Amino acid sequence: MYRNTDNWIIHADVYGTAERFEIFVEMPGVHREDIELEVTPLAVKVWGVRKTLCPGATALAIEIQTGRFQREIHLPYRVDTSSVSAELKSGVLHIKLVRQKPVRVVVPVQSEGSNNL
């Protein structure tokens, strides 16, 4: 059983509370140095590579996917990009994000004919 395993899909669980988001990304066999993580206020992007487990040997069966992966997770609320943490433990990448507090802006309403611009 042979197959092209480049560009495989990583699976993720996303949890949220009023204060934070926690994302768990399944990636057994991926080394910390082979993972890239990018966080914007509304998205988390994880990419990298899972290398072959037995380089130089002839594969007789391939069921564990290897090669490059990429996943972008869109968030329903903005996060504070300066307070992100990530830890790889037991084949699961755990990303912690703090929700950004809403910014309240008071806009004065002008009446018709008002010159207060």
Protein backbone atom coordinates (compact mmCIF):
# COMPACT_ATOMS: atom_id res chain seq x y z
CA MET A 1 0.00 0.00 0.00
CA TYR A 2 1.82 3.10 -1.27
CA ARG A 3 0.51 6.61 -1.45
CA ASN A 4 1.74 10.16 -1.84
CA THR A 5 1.55 11.54 1.68
CA ASP A 6 2.86 15.04 1.01
CA ASN A 7 0.51 17.82 2.14
CA TRP A 8 -1.44 15.90 4.74
CA ILE A 9 -4.07 17.42 7.02
CA ILE A 10 -3.46 17.91 10.71
CA HIS A 11 -6.46 17.73 13.05
CA ALA A 12 -7.25 20.38 15.65
CA ASP A 13 -9.68 21.02 18.49
CA VAL A 14 -10.50 24.62 19.43
CA TYR A 15 -11.99 25.60 22.80
CA GLY A 16 -13.07 29.05 23.90
CA THR A 17 -14.15 30.92 27.00
CA ALA A 18 -14.91 34.59 27.58
CA GLU A 19 -11.20 35.17 28.34
CA ARG A 20 -9.23 32.84 26.09
CA PHE A 21 -8.94 30.26 23.32
CA GLU A 22 -7.06 26.99 23.56
CA ILE A 23 -6.13 25.02 20.45
CA PHE A 24 -4.90 21.43 20.46
CA VAL A 25 -3.25 20.24 17.24
CA GLU A 26 -2.53 16.55 16.73
CA MET A 27 0.98 15.98 15.37
CA PRO A 28 2.67 12.82 16.63
CA GLY A 29 6.14 12.24 15.26
CA VAL A 30 6.68 15.93 14.44
CA HIS A 31 9.69 17.53 16.12
CA ARG A 32 9.48 20.98 17.71
CA GLU A 33 12.08 22.38 15.30
CA ASP A 34 9.94 21.29 12.32
CA ILE A 35 6.89 23.35 13.38
CA GLU A 36 6.17 26.97 12.43
CA LEU A 37 3.43 28.98 14.13
CA GLU A 38 2.02 32.35 13.08
CA VAL A 39 -0.70 34.21 14.98
CA THR A 40 -2.66 37.21 13.75
CA PRO A 41 -5.50 38.85 15.70
CA LEU A 42 -8.09 36.65 13.95
CA ALA A 43 -6.24 33.49 12.86
CA VAL A 44 -3.65 30.88 13.80
CA LYS A 45 -1.54 29.24 11.10
CA VAL A 46 0.50 26.10 11.80
CA TRP A 47 2.78 24.52 9.21
CA GLY A 48 5.79 22.29 9.02
CA VAL A 49 6.95 18.82 8.06
CA ARG A 50 6.81 15.30 9.45
CA LYS A 51 9.92 13.52 8.25
CA THR A 52 10.06 9.89 7.19
CA LEU A 53 10.50 7.55 10.13
CA CYS A 54 13.07 5.25 8.52
CA PRO A 55 15.18 7.14 5.97
CA GLY A 56 17.15 5.02 3.54
CA ALA A 57 14.94 1.94 3.89
CA THR A 58 12.46 0.59 1.35
CA ALA A 59 8.88 1.09 2.51
CA LEU A 60 6.73 -2.04 2.36
CA ALA A 61 3.59 -0.32 3.67
CA ILE A 62 2.95 3.35 4.34
CA GLU A 63 0.06 4.31 6.56
CA ILE A 64 1.62 7.07 8.67
CA GLN A 65 1.46 10.28 6.69
CA THR A 66 4.68 12.22 6.23
CA GLY A 67 5.67 15.35 4.39
CA ARG A 68 4.51 18.93 4.61
CA PHE A 69 1.38 20.05 6.42
CA GLN A 70 -0.40 23.36 6.85
CA ARG A 71 -3.49 24.40 8.78
CA GLU A 72 -5.12 27.79 9.29
CA ILE A 73 -7.68 28.22 12.04
CA HIS A 74 -9.89 31.30 11.94
CA LEU A 75 -10.99 32.68 15.30
CA PRO A 76 -14.40 34.23 16.00
CA TYR A 77 -12.90 37.02 18.15
CA ARG A 78 -9.64 38.94 18.13
CA VAL A 79 -6.74 37.74 20.28
CA ASP A 80 -3.80 39.51 21.88
CA THR A 81 -0.87 38.41 19.72
CA SER A 82 1.65 39.49 22.37
CA SER A 83 0.48 36.87 24.88
CA VAL A 84 0.50 33.64 22.87
CA SER A 85 2.12 30.49 24.23
CA ALA A 86 2.61 27.09 22.61
CA GLU A 87 3.88 23.77 23.94
CA LEU A 88 4.45 20.44 22.18
CA LYS A 89 3.81 17.55 24.54
CA SER A 90 3.07 13.88 23.77
CA GLY A 91 2.46 14.61 20.09
CA VAL A 92 -0.05 17.41 20.71
CA LEU A 93 0.68 21.10 20.13
CA HIS A 94 -1.18 23.15 22.75
CA ILE A 95 -1.63 26.82 21.80
CA LYS A 96 -2.99 29.30 24.36
CA LEU A 97 -4.41 32.64 23.23
CA VAL A 98 -5.89 35.49 25.28
CA ARG A 99 -8.99 37.16 23.84
CA GLN A 100 -8.54 40.85 23.18
CA LYS A 101 -10.81 43.05 25.21
CA PRO A 102 -13.33 44.95 23.08
CA VAL A 103 -12.47 48.57 22.48
CA ARG A 104 -15.31 50.93 23.26
CA VAL A 105 -15.38 54.03 21.11
CA VAL A 106 -17.81 56.86 21.77
CA VAL A 107 -18.61 58.79 18.60
CA PRO A 108 -20.41 62.11 18.98
CA VAL A 109 -23.43 62.41 16.72
CA GLN A 110 -23.70 65.74 14.93
CA SER A 111 -27.00 67.37 14.12
CA GLU A 112 -27.84 68.55 10.62
CA GLY A 113 -26.23 71.87 9.83
CA SER A 114 -23.64 71.50 12.58
CA ASN A 115 -20.16 72.84 11.74
CA ASN A 116 -18.30 70.89 14.43
CA LEU A 117 -16.20 68.77 12.07
